[in-house]
PDB file of all heavy atoms in Angstrom:
ATOM      1  N   GLN A   1     127.931 194.888  84.791  1.00  0.00           N
ATOM      2  CA  GLN A   1     126.817 195.710  84.356  1.00  0.00           C
ATOM      3  C   GLN A   1     127.148 196.336  83.003  1.00  0.00           C
ATOM      4  O   GLN A   1     128.189 196.937  82.831  1.00  0.00           O
ATOM      5  CB  GLN A   1     126.518 196.841  85.356  1.00  0.00           C
ATOM      6  CG  GLN A   1     126.186 196.368  86.746  1.00  0.00           C
ATOM      7  CD  GLN A   1     127.379 196.413  87.669  1.00  0.00           C
ATOM      8  OE1 GLN A   1     128.500 196.170  87.276  1.00  0.00           O
ATOM      9  NE2 GLN A   1     127.130 196.718  88.935  1.00  0.00           N
ATOM     10  N   ASN A   2     126.232 196.183  82.051  1.00  0.00           N
ATOM     11  CA  ASN A   2     126.347 196.773  80.727  1.00  0.00           C
ATOM     12  C   ASN A   2     124.952 197.098  80.235  1.00  0.00           C
ATOM     13  O   ASN A   2     124.065 196.254  80.280  1.00  0.00           O
ATOM     14  CB  ASN A   2     127.022 195.816  79.738  1.00  0.00           C
ATOM     15  CG  ASN A   2     128.528 195.911  79.771  1.00  0.00           C
ATOM     16  OD1 ASN A   2     129.112 196.834  79.243  1.00  0.00           O
ATOM     17  ND2 ASN A   2     129.159 194.949  80.432  1.00  0.00           N
ATOM     18  N   GLY A   3     124.761 198.328  79.771  1.00  0.00           N
ATOM     19  CA  GLY A   3     123.434 198.760  79.341  1.00  0.00           C
ATOM     20  C   GLY A   3     122.762 199.537  80.457  1.00  0.00           C
ATOM     21  O   GLY A   3     123.422 200.133  81.311  1.00  0.00           O
ATOM     22  N   TYR A   4     121.435 199.516  80.469  1.00  0.00           N
ATOM     23  CA  TYR A   4     120.682 200.294  81.446  1.00  0.00           C
ATOM     24  C   TYR A   4     120.427 199.478  82.708  1.00  0.00           C
ATOM     25  O   TYR A   4     120.099 198.298  82.635  1.00  0.00           O
ATOM     26  CB  TYR A   4     119.340 200.728  80.850  1.00  0.00           C
ATOM     27  CG  TYR A   4     118.599 201.686  81.727  1.00  0.00           C
ATOM     28  CD1 TYR A   4     118.882 203.036  81.675  1.00  0.00           C
ATOM     29  CD2 TYR A   4     117.649 201.244  82.631  1.00  0.00           C
ATOM     30  CE1 TYR A   4     118.219 203.939  82.495  1.00  0.00           C
ATOM     31  CE2 TYR A   4     116.981 202.131  83.451  1.00  0.00           C
ATOM     32  CZ  TYR A   4     117.267 203.469  83.377  1.00  0.00           C
ATOM     33  OH  TYR A   4     116.611 204.351  84.198  1.00  0.00           O
ATOM     34  N   GLY A   5     120.572 200.132  83.870  1.00  0.00           N
ATOM     35  CA  GLY A   5     120.298 199.435  85.116  1.00  0.00           C
ATOM     36  C   GLY A   5     120.298 200.361  86.310  1.00  0.00           C
ATOM     37  O   GLY A   5     120.608 201.555  86.204  1.00  0.00           O
ATOM     38  N   LYS A   6     119.956 199.808  87.435  1.00  0.00           N
ATOM     39  CA  LYS A   6     119.880 200.555  88.687  1.00  0.00           C
ATOM     40  C   LYS A   6     120.645 199.792  89.759  1.00  0.00           C
ATOM     41  O   LYS A   6     120.514 198.579  89.878  1.00  0.00           O
ATOM     42  CB  LYS A   6     118.418 200.703  89.108  1.00  0.00           C
ATOM     43  CG  LYS A   6     118.217 201.468  90.395  1.00  0.00           C
ATOM     44  CD  LYS A   6     116.728 201.608  90.687  1.00  0.00           C
ATOM     45  CE  LYS A   6     116.465 202.379  91.961  1.00  0.00           C
ATOM     46  NZ  LYS A   6     115.021 202.504  92.223  1.00  0.00           N
ATOM     47  N   MET A   7     121.452 200.552  90.540  1.00  0.00           N
ATOM     48  CA  MET A   7     122.186 199.936  91.642  1.00  0.00           C
ATOM     49  C   MET A   7     121.973 200.761  92.897  1.00  0.00           C
ATOM     50  O   MET A   7     122.025 201.989  92.865  1.00  0.00           O
ATOM     51  CB  MET A   7     123.678 199.868  91.343  1.00  0.00           C
ATOM     52  CG  MET A   7     124.492 199.302  92.496  1.00  0.00           C
ATOM     53  SD  MET A   7     126.214 199.055  92.054  1.00  0.00           S
ATOM     54  CE  MET A   7     126.216 197.282  91.970  1.00  0.00           C
ATOM     55  N   THR A   8     121.719 200.062  93.997  1.00  0.00           N
ATOM     56  CA  THR A   8     121.586 200.699  95.300  1.00  0.00           C
ATOM     57  C   THR A   8     122.702 200.184  96.195  1.00  0.00           C
ATOM     58  O   THR A   8     122.874 198.976  96.342  1.00  0.00           O
ATOM     59  CB  THR A   8     120.216 200.371  95.928  1.00  0.00           C
ATOM     60  OG1 THR A   8     119.183 200.798  95.036  1.00  0.00           O
ATOM     61  CG2 THR A   8     120.045 201.061  97.272  1.00  0.00           C
ATOM     62  N   TRP A   9     123.485 201.115  96.764  1.00  0.00           N
ATOM     63  CA  TRP A   9     124.573 200.746  97.653  1.00  0.00           C
ATOM     64  C   TRP A   9     124.066 200.595  99.077  1.00  0.00           C
ATOM     65  O   TRP A   9     123.008 201.123  99.431  1.00  0.00           O
ATOM     66  CB  TRP A   9     125.673 201.818  97.607  1.00  0.00           C
ATOM     67  CG  TRP A   9     126.540 201.703  96.389  1.00  0.00           C
ATOM     68  CD1 TRP A   9     127.735 201.060  96.296  1.00  0.00           C
ATOM     69  CD2 TRP A   9     126.289 202.234  95.091  1.00  0.00           C
ATOM     70  NE1 TRP A   9     128.247 201.164  95.020  1.00  0.00           N
ATOM     71  CE2 TRP A   9     127.372 201.882  94.260  1.00  0.00           C
ATOM     72  CE3 TRP A   9     125.243 202.971  94.523  1.00  0.00           C
ATOM     73  CZ2 TRP A   9     127.436 202.242  92.913  1.00  0.00           C
ATOM     74  CZ3 TRP A   9     125.311 203.325  93.189  1.00  0.00           C
ATOM     75  CH2 TRP A   9     126.396 202.972  92.404  1.00  0.00           C
ATOM     76  N   LEU A  10     124.804 199.909  99.914  1.00  0.00           N
ATOM     77  CA  LEU A  10     124.408 199.679 101.299  1.00  0.00           C
ATOM     78  C   LEU A  10     124.235 200.975 102.082  1.00  0.00           C
ATOM     79  O   LEU A  10     123.424 201.048 102.999  1.00  0.00           O
ATOM     80  CB  LEU A  10     125.437 198.786 102.008  1.00  0.00           C
ATOM     81  CG  LEU A  10     125.484 197.337 101.529  1.00  0.00           C
ATOM     82  CD1 LEU A  10     126.609 196.584 102.233  1.00  0.00           C
ATOM     83  CD2 LEU A  10     124.151 196.647 101.758  1.00  0.00           C
ATOM     84  N   ASP A  11     124.991 202.027 101.714  1.00  0.00           N
ATOM     85  CA  ASP A  11     124.862 203.300 102.431  1.00  0.00           C
ATOM     86  C   ASP A  11     123.640 204.102 101.999  1.00  0.00           C
ATOM     87  O   ASP A  11     123.400 205.193 102.506  1.00  0.00           O
ATOM     88  CB  ASP A  11     126.128 204.142 102.279  1.00  0.00           C
ATOM     89  CG  ASP A  11     126.328 204.691 100.867  1.00  0.00           C
ATOM     90  OD1 ASP A  11     125.498 204.435  99.962  1.00  0.00           O
ATOM     91  OD2 ASP A  11     127.339 205.387 100.657  1.00  0.00           O
ATOM     92  N   GLY A  12     122.867 203.590 101.036  1.00  0.00           N
ATOM     93  CA  GLY A  12     121.658 204.265 100.575  1.00  0.00           C
ATOM     94  C   GLY A  12     121.809 205.013  99.272  1.00  0.00           C
ATOM     95  O   GLY A  12     120.836 205.516  98.724  1.00  0.00           O
ATOM     96  N   GLY A  13     123.036 205.112  98.750  1.00  0.00           N
ATOM     97  CA  GLY A  13     123.244 205.759  97.457  1.00  0.00           C
ATOM     98  C   GLY A  13     122.593 204.944  96.346  1.00  0.00           C
ATOM     99  O   GLY A  13     122.551 203.717  96.412  1.00  0.00           O
ATOM    100  N   VAL A  14     122.072 205.649  95.330  1.00  0.00           N
ATOM    101  CA  VAL A  14     121.399 204.976  94.215  1.00  0.00           C
ATOM    102  C   VAL A  14     121.866 205.586  92.894  1.00  0.00           C
ATOM    103  O   VAL A  14     121.889 206.814  92.748  1.00  0.00           O
ATOM    104  CB  VAL A  14     119.864 205.129  94.309  1.00  0.00           C
ATOM    105  CG1 VAL A  14     119.173 204.488  93.116  1.00  0.00           C
ATOM    106  CG2 VAL A  14     119.340 204.550  95.598  1.00  0.00           C
ATOM    107  N   TYR A  15     122.238 204.732  91.950  1.00  0.00           N
ATOM    108  CA  TYR A  15     122.537 205.165  90.584  1.00  0.00           C
ATOM    109  C   TYR A  15     121.574 204.453  89.657  1.00  0.00           C
ATOM    110  O   TYR A  15     121.401 203.238  89.746  1.00  0.00           O
ATOM    111  CB  TYR A  15     123.972 204.834  90.181  1.00  0.00           C
ATOM    112  CG  TYR A  15     124.239 205.136  88.718  1.00  0.00           C
ATOM    113  CD1 TYR A  15     124.495 206.437  88.295  1.00  0.00           C
ATOM    114  CD2 TYR A  15     124.201 204.133  87.765  1.00  0.00           C
ATOM    115  CE1 TYR A  15     124.717 206.725  86.962  1.00  0.00           C
ATOM    116  CE2 TYR A  15     124.427 204.413  86.422  1.00  0.00           C
ATOM    117  CZ  TYR A  15     124.677 205.700  86.023  1.00  0.00           C
ATOM    118  OH  TYR A  15     124.891 205.985  84.690  1.00  0.00           O
ATOM    119  N   GLU A  16     120.968 205.225  88.754  1.00  0.00           N
ATOM    120  CA  GLU A  16     120.108 204.641  87.728  1.00  0.00           C
ATOM    121  C   GLU A  16     120.488 205.260  86.401  1.00  0.00           C
ATOM    122  O   GLU A  16     120.481 206.485  86.253  1.00  0.00           O
ATOM    123  CB  GLU A  16     118.634 204.895  88.025  1.00  0.00           C
ATOM    124  CG  GLU A  16     117.717 204.191  87.054  1.00  0.00           C
ATOM    125  CD  GLU A  16     116.260 204.184  87.480  1.00  0.00           C
ATOM    126  OE1 GLU A  16     115.939 204.773  88.518  1.00  0.00           O
ATOM    127  OE2 GLU A  16     115.451 203.593  86.751  1.00  0.00           O
ATOM    128  N   GLY A  17     120.879 204.410  85.469  1.00  0.00           N
ATOM    129  CA  GLY A  17     121.291 204.912  84.168  1.00  0.00           C
ATOM    130  C   GLY A  17     122.078 203.873  83.407  1.00  0.00           C
ATOM    131  O   GLY A  17     121.913 202.671  83.605  1.00  0.00           O
ATOM    132  N   ASN A  18     122.954 204.358  82.553  1.00  0.00           N
ATOM    133  CA  ASN A  18     123.724 203.481  81.680  1.00  0.00           C
ATOM    134  C   ASN A  18     125.045 203.062  82.306  1.00  0.00           C
ATOM    135  O   ASN A  18     125.671 203.828  83.042  1.00  0.00           O
ATOM    136  CB  ASN A  18     123.972 204.194  80.346  1.00  0.00           C
ATOM    137  CG  ASN A  18     122.689 204.368  79.579  1.00  0.00           C
ATOM    138  OD1 ASN A  18     122.053 203.391  79.200  1.00  0.00           O
ATOM    139  ND2 ASN A  18     122.288 205.601  79.366  1.00  0.00           N
ATOM    140  N   TRP A  19     125.421 201.838  81.983  1.00  0.00           N
ATOM    141  CA  TRP A  19     126.649 201.217  82.488  1.00  0.00           C
ATOM    142  C   TRP A  19     127.454 200.675  81.319  1.00  0.00           C
ATOM    143  O   TRP A  19     126.899 200.272  80.292  1.00  0.00           O
ATOM    144  CB  TRP A  19     126.317 200.027  83.390  1.00  0.00           C
ATOM    145  CG  TRP A  19     125.556 200.366  84.616  1.00  0.00           C
ATOM    146  CD1 TRP A  19     124.213 200.576  84.723  1.00  0.00           C
ATOM    147  CD2 TRP A  19     126.085 200.533  85.928  1.00  0.00           C
ATOM    148  NE1 TRP A  19     123.878 200.852  86.018  1.00  0.00           N
ATOM    149  CE2 TRP A  19     125.007 200.832  86.785  1.00  0.00           C
ATOM    150  CE3 TRP A  19     127.355 200.453  86.468  1.00  0.00           C
ATOM    151  CZ2 TRP A  19     125.179 201.055  88.143  1.00  0.00           C
ATOM    152  CZ3 TRP A  19     127.516 200.666  87.819  1.00  0.00           C
ATOM    153  CH2 TRP A  19     126.439 200.964  88.645  1.00  0.00           C
ATOM    154  N   LYS A  20     128.764 200.632  81.508  1.00  0.00           N
ATOM    155  CA  LYS A  20     129.641 199.969  80.544  1.00  0.00           C
ATOM    156  C   LYS A  20     130.773 199.333  81.330  1.00  0.00           C
ATOM    157  O   LYS A  20     131.459 200.005  82.109  1.00  0.00           O
ATOM    158  CB  LYS A  20     130.200 200.971  79.530  1.00  0.00           C
ATOM    159  CG  LYS A  20     131.069 200.324  78.463  1.00  0.00           C
ATOM    160  CD  LYS A  20     131.525 201.347  77.441  1.00  0.00           C
ATOM    161  CE  LYS A  20     132.392 200.678  76.396  1.00  0.00           C
ATOM    162  NZ  LYS A  20     132.883 201.675  75.430  1.00  0.00           N
ATOM    163  N   ASN A  21     130.943 198.042  81.158  1.00  0.00           N
ATOM    164  CA  ASN A  21     132.008 197.292  81.839  1.00  0.00           C
ATOM    165  C   ASN A  21     132.007 197.510  83.347  1.00  0.00           C
ATOM    166  O   ASN A  21     133.054 197.659  83.970  1.00  0.00           O
ATOM    167  CB  ASN A  21     133.376 197.622  81.240  1.00  0.00           C
ATOM    168  CG  ASN A  21     133.466 197.237  79.786  1.00  0.00           C
ATOM    169  OD1 ASN A  21     132.919 196.229  79.371  1.00  0.00           O
ATOM    170  ND2 ASN A  21     134.135 198.052  78.995  1.00  0.00           N
ATOM    171  N   GLY A  22     130.820 197.587  83.942  1.00  0.00           N
ATOM    172  CA  GLY A  22     130.702 197.660  85.395  1.00  0.00           C
ATOM    173  C   GLY A  22     130.814 199.039  85.997  1.00  0.00           C
ATOM    174  O   GLY A  22     130.822 199.168  87.223  1.00  0.00           O
ATOM    175  N   THR A  23     130.930 200.095  85.176  1.00  0.00           N
ATOM    176  CA  THR A  23     130.990 201.453  85.703  1.00  0.00           C
ATOM    177  C   THR A  23     129.941 202.328  85.032  1.00  0.00           C
ATOM    178  O   THR A  23     129.486 202.041  83.922  1.00  0.00           O
ATOM    179  CB  THR A  23     132.381 202.106  85.507  1.00  0.00           C
ATOM    180  OG1 THR A  23     132.653 202.214  84.109  1.00  0.00           O
ATOM    181  CG2 THR A  23     133.466 201.326  86.200  1.00  0.00           C
ATOM    182  N   GLN A  24     129.577 203.417  85.711  1.00  0.00           N
ATOM    183  CA  GLN A  24     128.630 204.361  85.146  1.00  0.00           C
ATOM    184  C   GLN A  24     129.239 204.951  83.884  1.00  0.00           C
ATOM    185  O   GLN A  24     130.357 205.439  83.907  1.00  0.00           O
ATOM    186  CB  GLN A  24     128.309 205.492  86.134  1.00  0.00           C
ATOM    187  CG  GLN A  24     127.669 205.021  87.409  1.00  0.00           C
ATOM    188  CD  GLN A  24     128.650 204.914  88.555  1.00  0.00           C
ATOM    189  OE1 GLN A  24     129.787 204.505  88.398  1.00  0.00           O
ATOM    190  NE2 GLN A  24     128.203 205.283  89.750  1.00  0.00           N
ATOM    191  N   ASN A  25     128.484 204.875  82.784  1.00  0.00           N
ATOM    192  CA  ASN A  25     128.989 205.349  81.505  1.00  0.00           C
ATOM    193  C   ASN A  25     127.811 205.708  80.622  1.00  0.00           C
ATOM    194  O   ASN A  25     126.946 204.882  80.383  1.00  0.00           O
ATOM    195  CB  ASN A  25     129.819 204.258  80.835  1.00  0.00           C
ATOM    196  CG  ASN A  25     130.927 204.807  79.985  1.00  0.00           C
ATOM    197  OD1 ASN A  25     131.849 205.413  80.497  1.00  0.00           O
ATOM    198  ND2 ASN A  25     130.820 204.614  78.694  1.00  0.00           N
ATOM    199  N   GLY A  26     127.746 206.958  80.169  1.00  0.00           N
ATOM    200  CA  GLY A  26     126.597 207.443  79.412  1.00  0.00           C
ATOM    201  C   GLY A  26     125.756 208.329  80.310  1.00  0.00           C
ATOM    202  O   GLY A  26     126.283 209.000  81.202  1.00  0.00           O
ATOM    203  N   TYR A  27     124.455 208.334  80.111  1.00  0.00           N
ATOM    204  CA  TYR A  27     123.571 209.207  80.885  1.00  0.00           C
ATOM    205  C   TYR A  27     123.034 208.473  82.109  1.00  0.00           C
ATOM    206  O   TYR A  27     122.626 207.315  82.014  1.00  0.00           O
ATOM    207  CB  TYR A  27     122.398 209.678  80.018  1.00  0.00           C
ATOM    208  CG  TYR A  27     121.615 210.777  80.660  1.00  0.00           C
ATOM    209  CD1 TYR A  27     122.015 212.094  80.535  1.00  0.00           C
ATOM    210  CD2 TYR A  27     120.488 210.491  81.418  1.00  0.00           C
ATOM    211  CE1 TYR A  27     121.305 213.123  81.137  1.00  0.00           C
ATOM    212  CE2 TYR A  27     119.772 211.515  82.025  1.00  0.00           C
ATOM    213  CZ  TYR A  27     120.188 212.825  81.875  1.00  0.00           C
ATOM    214  OH  TYR A  27     119.480 213.830  82.486  1.00  0.00           O
ATOM    215  N   GLY A  28     123.021 209.169  83.256  1.00  0.00           N
ATOM    216  CA  GLY A  28     122.477 208.552  84.451  1.00  0.00           C
ATOM    217  C   GLY A  28     122.295 209.548  85.578  1.00  0.00           C
ATOM    218  O   GLY A  28     122.723 210.705  85.502  1.00  0.00           O
ATOM    219  N   LYS A  29     121.652 209.072  86.621  1.00  0.00           N
ATOM    220  CA  LYS A  29     121.365 209.893  87.805  1.00  0.00           C
ATOM    221  C   LYS A  29     121.885 209.174  89.039  1.00  0.00           C
ATOM    222  O   LYS A  29     121.562 208.014  89.280  1.00  0.00           O
ATOM    223  CB  LYS A  29     119.866 210.122  87.928  1.00  0.00           C
ATOM    224  CG  LYS A  29     119.471 210.954  89.132  1.00  0.00           C
ATOM    225  CD  LYS A  29     117.962 211.147  89.168  1.00  0.00           C
ATOM    226  CE  LYS A  29     117.531 211.979  90.361  1.00  0.00           C
ATOM    227  NZ  LYS A  29     116.063 212.146  90.383  1.00  0.00           N
ATOM    228  N   MET A  30     122.682 209.904  89.828  1.00  0.00           N
ATOM    229  CA  MET A  30     123.220 209.372  91.076  1.00  0.00           C
ATOM    230  C   MET A  30     122.691 210.199  92.229  1.00  0.00           C
ATOM    231  O   MET A  30     122.782 211.429  92.212  1.00  0.00           O
ATOM    232  CB  MET A  30     124.751 209.439  91.052  1.00  0.00           C
ATOM    233  CG  MET A  30     125.413 208.966  92.319  1.00  0.00           C
ATOM    234  SD  MET A  30     125.304 207.182  92.498  1.00  0.00           S
ATOM    235  CE  MET A  30     125.896 206.983  94.167  1.00  0.00           C
ATOM    236  N   THR A  31     122.115 209.523  93.208  1.00  0.00           N
ATOM    237  CA  THR A  31     121.672 210.161  94.442  1.00  0.00           C
ATOM    238  C   THR A  31     122.497 209.567  95.577  1.00  0.00           C
ATOM    239  O   THR A  31     122.437 208.368  95.825  1.00  0.00           O
ATOM    240  CB  THR A  31     120.168 209.912  94.688  1.00  0.00           C
ATOM    241  OG1 THR A  31     119.434 210.369  93.554  1.00  0.00           O
ATOM    242  CG2 THR A  31     119.699 210.626  95.938  1.00  0.00           C
ATOM    243  N   TRP A  32     123.306 210.420  96.209  1.00  0.00           N
ATOM    244  CA  TRP A  32     124.141 209.959  97.321  1.00  0.00           C
ATOM    245  C   TRP A  32     123.327 209.949  98.609  1.00  0.00           C
ATOM    246  O   TRP A  32     122.302 210.633  98.724  1.00  0.00           O
ATOM    247  CB  TRP A  32     125.357 210.872  97.476  1.00  0.00           C
ATOM    248  CG  TRP A  32     126.407 210.624  96.437  1.00  0.00           C
ATOM    249  CD1 TRP A  32     127.450 209.750  96.518  1.00  0.00           C
ATOM    250  CD2 TRP A  32     126.524 211.250  95.157  1.00  0.00           C
ATOM    251  NE1 TRP A  32     128.210 209.800  95.368  1.00  0.00           N
ATOM    252  CE2 TRP A  32     127.657 210.717  94.516  1.00  0.00           C
ATOM    253  CE3 TRP A  32     125.771 212.209  94.477  1.00  0.00           C
ATOM    254  CZ2 TRP A  32     128.059 211.111  93.244  1.00  0.00           C
ATOM    255  CZ3 TRP A  32     126.170 212.604  93.213  1.00  0.00           C
ATOM    256  CH2 TRP A  32     127.297 212.061  92.617  1.00  0.00           C
ATOM    257  N   SER A  33     123.782 209.219  99.593  1.00  0.00           N
ATOM    258  CA  SER A  33     123.063 209.082 100.862  1.00  0.00           C
ATOM    259  C   SER A  33     122.963 210.403 101.614  1.00  0.00           C
ATOM    260  O   SER A  33     122.062 210.578 102.437  1.00  0.00           O
ATOM    261  CB  SER A  33     123.732 208.023 101.739  1.00  0.00           C
ATOM    262  OG  SER A  33     125.077 208.375 101.999  1.00  0.00           O
ATOM    263  N   ASP A  34     123.855 211.367 101.313  1.00  0.00           N
ATOM    264  CA  ASP A  34     123.788 212.671 101.988  1.00  0.00           C
ATOM    265  C   ASP A  34     122.813 213.638 101.324  1.00  0.00           C
ATOM    266  O   ASP A  34     122.679 214.782 101.738  1.00  0.00           O
ATOM    267  CB  ASP A  34     125.174 213.301 102.071  1.00  0.00           C
ATOM    268  CG  ASP A  34     125.795 213.559 100.711  1.00  0.00           C
ATOM    269  OD1 ASP A  34     125.129 213.374  99.669  1.00  0.00           O
ATOM    270  OD2 ASP A  34     126.980 213.957 100.676  1.00  0.00           O
ATOM    271  N   GLY A  35     122.133 213.192 100.259  1.00  0.00           N
ATOM    272  CA  GLY A  35     121.138 214.019  99.584  1.00  0.00           C
ATOM    273  C   GLY A  35     121.637 214.731  98.347  1.00  0.00           C
ATOM    274  O   GLY A  35     120.854 215.343  97.625  1.00  0.00           O
ATOM    275  N   ASN A  36     122.940 214.677  98.057  1.00  0.00           N
ATOM    276  CA  ASN A  36     123.455 215.261  96.822  1.00  0.00           C
ATOM    277  C   ASN A  36     122.967 214.448  95.628  1.00  0.00           C
ATOM    278  O   ASN A  36     122.899 213.218  95.702  1.00  0.00           O
ATOM    279  CB  ASN A  36     124.982 215.286  96.818  1.00  0.00           C
ATOM    280  CG  ASN A  36     125.576 216.170  97.896  1.00  0.00           C
ATOM    281  OD1 ASN A  36     124.911 217.080  98.394  1.00  0.00           O
ATOM    282  ND2 ASN A  36     126.807 215.906  98.276  1.00  0.00           N
ATOM    283  N   VAL A  37     122.631 215.146  94.522  1.00  0.00           N
ATOM    284  CA  VAL A  37     122.116 214.473  93.332  1.00  0.00           C
ATOM    285  C   VAL A  37     122.820 215.026  92.099  1.00  0.00           C
ATOM    286  O   VAL A  37     122.884 216.241  91.901  1.00  0.00           O
ATOM    287  CB  VAL A  37     120.597 214.690  93.175  1.00  0.00           C
ATOM    288  CG1 VAL A  37     120.079 214.024  91.900  1.00  0.00           C
ATOM    289  CG2 VAL A  37     119.850 214.178  94.384  1.00  0.00           C
ATOM    290  N   TYR A  38     123.349 214.126  91.278  1.00  0.00           N
ATOM    291  CA  TYR A  38     123.924 214.494  89.981  1.00  0.00           C
ATOM    292  C   TYR A  38     123.154 213.767  88.903  1.00  0.00           C
ATOM    293  O   TYR A  38     122.930 212.554  88.985  1.00  0.00           O
ATOM    294  CB  TYR A  38     125.401 214.105  89.898  1.00  0.00           C
ATOM    295  CG  TYR A  38     125.974 214.309  88.504  1.00  0.00           C
ATOM    296  CD1 TYR A  38     126.379 215.562  88.078  1.00  0.00           C
ATOM    297  CD2 TYR A  38     126.078 213.250  87.618  1.00  0.00           C
ATOM    298  CE1 TYR A  38     126.881 215.755  86.802  1.00  0.00           C
ATOM    299  CE2 TYR A  38     126.580 213.429  86.337  1.00  0.00           C
ATOM    300  CZ  TYR A  38     126.974 214.681  85.937  1.00  0.00           C
ATOM    301  OH  TYR A  38     127.469 214.871  84.664  1.00  0.00           O
ATOM    302  N   GLU A  39     122.758 214.516  87.866  1.00  0.00           N
ATOM    303  CA  GLU A  39     122.106 213.910  86.719  1.00  0.00           C
ATOM    304  C   GLU A  39     122.773 214.442  85.473  1.00  0.00           C
ATOM    305  O   GLU A  39     122.875 215.663  85.271  1.00  0.00           O
ATOM    306  CB  GLU A  39     120.613 214.234  86.697  1.00  0.00           C
ATOM    307  CG  GLU A  39     119.879 213.500  85.595  1.00  0.00           C
ATOM    308  CD  GLU A  39     118.371 213.564  85.721  1.00  0.00           C
ATOM    309  OE1 GLU A  39     117.872 214.178  86.670  1.00  0.00           O
ATOM    310  OE2 GLU A  39     117.697 212.983  84.860  1.00  0.00           O
ATOM    311  N   GLY A  40     123.279 213.536  84.664  1.00  0.00           N
ATOM    312  CA  GLY A  40     123.968 213.948  83.446  1.00  0.00           C
ATOM    313  C   GLY A  40     124.823 212.830  82.900  1.00  0.00           C
ATOM    314  O   GLY A  40     124.551 211.651  83.113  1.00  0.00           O
TER     315      GLY A  40
END
């Protein structure tokens, strides 16, 4: 993953934002399956 994209994990977690070399890098939003949300 490189650039902008969205990934949904099997446990229900979702990340939408920027990626670099397969990891979250830059600005993005992560919603974990337990309801915690980080955006930044």
